[in-house]
């Protein structure tokens, strides 16, 4: 699978749930991943997609599924999404006392492993375990609802994580999720993010595919270039 410098992951949370297959098709030629928000009404106060829908999505699209589990007890449930064929399965640091164990289970089941850090959680306690992960998802809102406003102060976590990646020579995607749009994606890219979840900015646009291309250009222009 190719590894683009910039990953744009449209969030199906902002799509019409009655037309998810159509939503996949709308972005099939331009998106890198499809972001799937799994909420259980326990870890967060909302209820969305679960295993049956993800199973159907795997059959409906060739895009890699980026499953973001906002659920309690990921040790019990996360591997099931990997076994369904999800490309990347991300769970919350706040939901488990054994993030490394969950990550290893996910990798053994065939998916990438992602660690999510919510709005009020510092990233520093997790820097030492980043080699166990393929993705670090830093929330730029409070997890649980779509359509919230971007919180720029949370980009300090992205900067801290990017420094750790560079100094540790890690292979790690730094993903941001929450309020990513035309007016915020450049700041996130400048801070060190290289994967961007965009819900309303994509599925609220008249032309979702064109919106993805625009976001990719804005992010690509802002990502710091390595010194030659």
Protein backbone atom coordinates (compact mmCIF):
# COMPACT_ATOMS: atom_id res chain seq x y z
CA UNK A 1 0.00 0.00 0.00
CA UNK A 2 1.35 3.43 -0.88
CA UNK A 3 2.24 5.83 1.91
CA UNK A 4 1.44 9.39 0.83
CA UNK A 5 3.16 12.27 2.58
CA UNK A 6 -0.22 13.73 3.49
CA UNK A 7 -3.21 11.58 4.45
CA UNK A 8 -6.72 12.98 4.15
CA UNK A 9 -9.30 10.86 5.94
CA UNK A 10 -12.91 11.97 5.43
CA UNK A 11 -15.02 11.19 8.47
CA UNK A 12 -18.18 9.25 7.77
CA UNK A 13 -19.65 10.74 10.95
CA UNK A 14 -20.50 13.78 8.82
CA UNK A 15 -22.02 11.73 5.98
CA UNK A 16 -25.63 10.65 5.51
CA UNK A 17 -25.86 7.40 7.47
CA UNK A 18 -28.62 6.21 5.14
CA UNK A 19 -26.20 6.46 2.20
CA UNK A 20 -22.84 5.34 3.52
CA UNK A 21 -21.91 3.35 0.42
CA UNK A 22 -22.60 6.42 -1.70
CA UNK A 23 -20.52 8.52 0.70
CA UNK A 24 -17.62 6.11 0.21
CA UNK A 25 -17.96 6.36 -3.55
CA UNK A 26 -17.99 10.17 -3.48
CA UNK A 27 -14.43 10.25 -2.15
CA UNK A 28 -13.06 6.99 -3.55
CA UNK A 29 -10.63 8.61 -6.00
CA UNK A 30 -9.29 11.33 -3.70
CA UNK A 31 -9.29 10.18 -0.07
CA UNK A 32 -6.43 8.17 1.42
CA UNK A 33 -8.39 6.65 4.30
CA UNK A 34 -12.01 6.62 5.43
CA UNK A 35 -12.35 7.61 9.06
CA UNK A 36 -14.96 5.60 10.96
CA UNK A 37 -16.00 6.91 14.37
CA UNK A 38 -17.13 4.10 16.65
CA UNK A 39 -18.88 5.45 19.76
CA UNK A 40 -20.51 3.30 22.43
CA UNK A 41 -22.52 5.78 24.54
CA UNK A 42 -20.31 4.88 27.51
CA UNK A 43 -16.83 6.23 26.86
CA UNK A 44 -18.45 9.17 25.06
CA UNK A 45 -22.10 10.31 25.28
CA UNK A 46 -22.99 9.33 21.74
CA UNK A 47 -23.81 6.14 19.86
CA UNK A 48 -22.75 5.59 16.25
CA UNK A 49 -21.26 2.85 14.11
CA UNK A 50 -20.33 -0.66 15.30
CA UNK A 51 -19.09 -3.98 14.01
CA UNK A 52 -21.96 -4.77 11.56
CA UNK A 53 -21.63 -1.44 9.77
CA UNK A 54 -17.84 -1.66 9.59
CA UNK A 55 -18.18 -5.15 8.12
CA UNK A 56 -20.46 -3.72 5.42
CA UNK A 57 -18.07 -0.83 4.76
CA UNK A 58 -15.17 -3.21 4.22
CA UNK A 59 -17.23 -4.87 1.49
CA UNK A 60 -18.39 -1.54 0.02
CA UNK A 61 -15.08 0.27 -0.53
CA UNK A 62 -11.45 -0.31 -1.37
CA UNK A 63 -10.37 2.66 0.74
CA UNK A 64 -8.49 1.74 3.92
CA UNK A 65 -10.74 2.07 6.95
CA UNK A 66 -9.34 4.16 9.79
CA UNK A 67 -11.45 3.06 12.76
CA UNK A 68 -11.42 5.39 15.75
CA UNK A 69 -12.79 3.53 18.74
CA UNK A 70 -14.30 5.86 21.32
CA UNK A 71 -15.32 2.92 23.48
CA UNK A 72 -14.69 1.39 26.87
CA UNK A 73 -12.71 -1.84 27.17
CA UNK A 74 -10.76 -1.75 23.88
CA UNK A 75 -8.85 -4.83 25.06
CA UNK A 76 -12.06 -6.78 24.54
CA UNK A 77 -13.42 -5.14 21.39
CA UNK A 78 -10.64 -3.61 19.30
CA UNK A 79 -9.28 -6.79 17.75
CA UNK A 80 -12.67 -7.51 16.22
CA UNK A 81 -12.30 -4.48 13.96
CA UNK A 82 -8.86 -5.59 12.87
CA UNK A 83 -10.22 -9.04 12.08
CA UNK A 84 -12.93 -7.47 9.91
CA UNK A 85 -10.23 -5.92 7.73
CA UNK A 86 -9.84 -2.39 9.10
CA UNK A 87 -6.53 -0.88 7.99
CA UNK A 88 -5.91 1.11 11.17
CA UNK A 89 -7.62 0.68 14.53
CA UNK A 90 -7.18 3.48 17.05
CA UNK A 91 -8.28 3.28 20.66
CA UNK A 92 -8.15 5.84 23.47
CA UNK A 93 -5.38 6.00 26.00
CA UNK A 94 -7.98 6.97 28.59
CA UNK A 95 -9.92 3.74 28.06
CA UNK A 96 -7.28 1.18 28.99
CA UNK A 97 -4.54 0.51 31.50
CA UNK A 98 -2.65 -1.63 28.97
CA UNK A 99 -2.25 0.35 25.73
CA UNK A 100 0.83 -1.62 24.68
CA UNK A 101 -1.00 -4.92 25.05
CA UNK A 102 -3.91 -3.71 22.94
CA UNK A 103 -1.53 -2.38 20.29
CA UNK A 104 0.27 -5.70 20.06
CA UNK A 105 -3.02 -7.56 19.79
CA UNK A 106 -4.10 -5.29 16.92
CA UNK A 107 -0.86 -5.77 15.02
CA UNK A 108 -1.06 -9.52 15.53
CA UNK A 109 -4.59 -9.44 14.10
CA UNK A 110 -3.36 -7.71 10.95
CA UNK A 111 -4.14 -4.02 11.38
CA UNK A 112 -2.13 -0.95 12.20
CA UNK A 113 -2.37 0.17 15.82
CA UNK A 114 -3.32 3.70 16.80
CA UNK A 115 -3.37 5.52 20.12
CA UNK A 116 -5.80 8.42 20.62
CA UNK A 117 -5.23 11.25 23.09
CA UNK A 118 -8.32 13.22 24.10
CA UNK A 119 -8.55 16.96 24.70
CA UNK A 120 -7.72 16.93 28.42
CA UNK A 121 -5.05 14.22 28.35
CA UNK A 122 -1.35 15.16 28.20
CA UNK A 123 0.69 13.38 25.58
CA UNK A 124 3.96 13.25 27.51
CA UNK A 125 3.18 10.08 29.56
CA UNK A 126 2.75 8.14 26.31
CA UNK A 127 5.85 9.23 24.40
CA UNK A 128 7.92 6.26 25.55
CA UNK A 129 5.45 3.73 24.13
CA UNK A 130 5.06 5.34 20.70
CA UNK A 131 7.30 2.67 19.05
CA UNK A 132 4.45 0.22 19.71
CA UNK A 133 2.10 2.24 17.49
CA UNK A 134 1.67 3.17 13.86
CA UNK A 135 -0.61 6.16 14.44
CA UNK A 136 -0.96 8.76 17.17
CA UNK A 137 -4.33 10.50 16.96
CA UNK A 138 -4.45 13.80 18.79
CA UNK A 139 -7.92 15.18 19.31
CA UNK A 140 -8.23 18.88 18.52
CA UNK A 141 -11.68 18.90 20.13
CA UNK A 142 -13.31 16.90 22.91
CA UNK A 143 -14.04 13.38 21.64
CA UNK A 144 -17.66 12.42 21.19
CA UNK A 145 -19.39 14.75 18.76
CA UNK A 146 -18.81 16.02 15.24
CA UNK A 147 -19.05 19.63 14.17
CA UNK A 148 -17.09 21.14 17.09
CA UNK A 149 -14.72 24.08 16.74
CA UNK A 150 -11.00 23.49 16.42
CA UNK A 151 -8.95 24.22 19.57
CA UNK A 152 -5.57 25.58 18.40
CA UNK A 153 -3.91 25.21 21.82
CA UNK A 154 -4.07 21.44 21.42
CA UNK A 155 -1.51 21.66 18.64
CA UNK A 156 1.14 21.91 21.35
CA UNK A 157 0.64 18.16 21.78
CA UNK A 158 1.27 17.67 18.07
CA UNK A 159 4.51 19.64 18.33
CA UNK A 160 5.64 17.57 21.30
CA UNK A 161 4.82 14.32 19.51
CA UNK A 162 6.52 15.40 16.29
CA UNK A 163 9.68 16.24 18.23
CA UNK A 164 9.59 12.77 19.80
CA UNK A 165 9.14 11.14 16.40
CA UNK A 166 12.05 13.05 14.88
CA UNK A 167 14.46 12.53 17.74
CA UNK A 168 13.47 8.88 18.13
CA UNK A 169 13.52 8.19 14.38
CA UNK A 170 10.07 6.63 14.64
CA UNK A 171 7.77 5.52 11.84
CA UNK A 172 4.55 7.07 13.10
CA UNK A 173 1.62 8.95 11.62
CA UNK A 174 0.48 11.91 13.67
CA UNK A 175 -3.23 12.34 12.98
CA UNK A 176 -5.45 15.21 14.06
CA UNK A 177 -9.20 14.99 14.46
CA UNK A 178 -11.65 17.77 15.19
CA UNK A 179 -12.52 20.98 13.38
CA UNK A 180 -10.11 20.33 10.52
CA UNK A 181 -11.11 22.57 7.61
CA UNK A 182 -9.67 25.04 5.10
CA UNK A 183 -8.86 27.57 7.83
CA UNK A 184 -7.25 25.15 10.31
CA UNK A 185 -5.47 22.41 8.38
CA UNK A 186 -2.36 24.50 7.62
CA UNK A 187 -1.76 25.21 11.33
CA UNK A 188 -2.08 21.50 12.11
CA UNK A 189 0.36 20.61 9.33
CA UNK A 190 2.84 23.25 10.46
CA UNK A 191 2.68 21.79 13.97
CA UNK A 192 3.69 18.37 12.66
CA UNK A 193 0.52 16.49 11.76
CA UNK A 194 0.57 14.45 8.56
CA UNK A 195 -2.87 12.79 8.68
CA UNK A 196 -6.05 14.83 8.84
CA UNK A 197 -9.58 13.77 9.70
CA UNK A 198 -12.13 16.03 8.04
CA UNK A 199 -15.86 15.53 8.45
CA UNK A 200 -18.02 18.56 7.79
CA UNK A 201 -15.30 20.12 5.62
CA UNK A 202 -15.67 17.21 3.21
CA UNK A 203 -19.21 15.90 3.48
CA UNK A 204 -20.68 19.35 4.07
CA UNK A 205 -19.18 20.58 0.81
CA UNK A 206 -21.05 20.65 -2.48
CA UNK A 207 -18.24 18.59 -4.02
CA UNK A 208 -16.58 16.33 -1.42
CA UNK A 209 -13.84 15.19 -3.79
CA UNK A 210 -12.88 18.77 -4.63
CA UNK A 211 -12.86 19.61 -0.91
CA UNK A 212 -10.36 16.80 -0.29
CA UNK A 213 -8.07 18.06 -3.04
CA UNK A 214 -8.20 21.56 -1.59
CA UNK A 215 -7.40 20.32 1.91
CA UNK A 216 -4.52 18.23 0.61
CA UNK A 217 -3.04 21.24 -1.14
CA UNK A 218 -3.33 23.45 1.93
CA UNK A 219 -1.73 20.81 4.14
CA UNK A 220 1.00 19.99 1.66
CA UNK A 221 1.99 23.62 1.34
CA UNK A 222 2.24 23.97 5.11
CA UNK A 223 4.09 20.78 6.09
CA UNK A 224 7.65 21.77 7.04
CA UNK A 225 10.16 20.53 4.52
CA UNK A 226 13.24 18.70 5.83
CA UNK A 227 16.54 20.51 5.67
CA UNK A 228 18.61 19.49 2.70
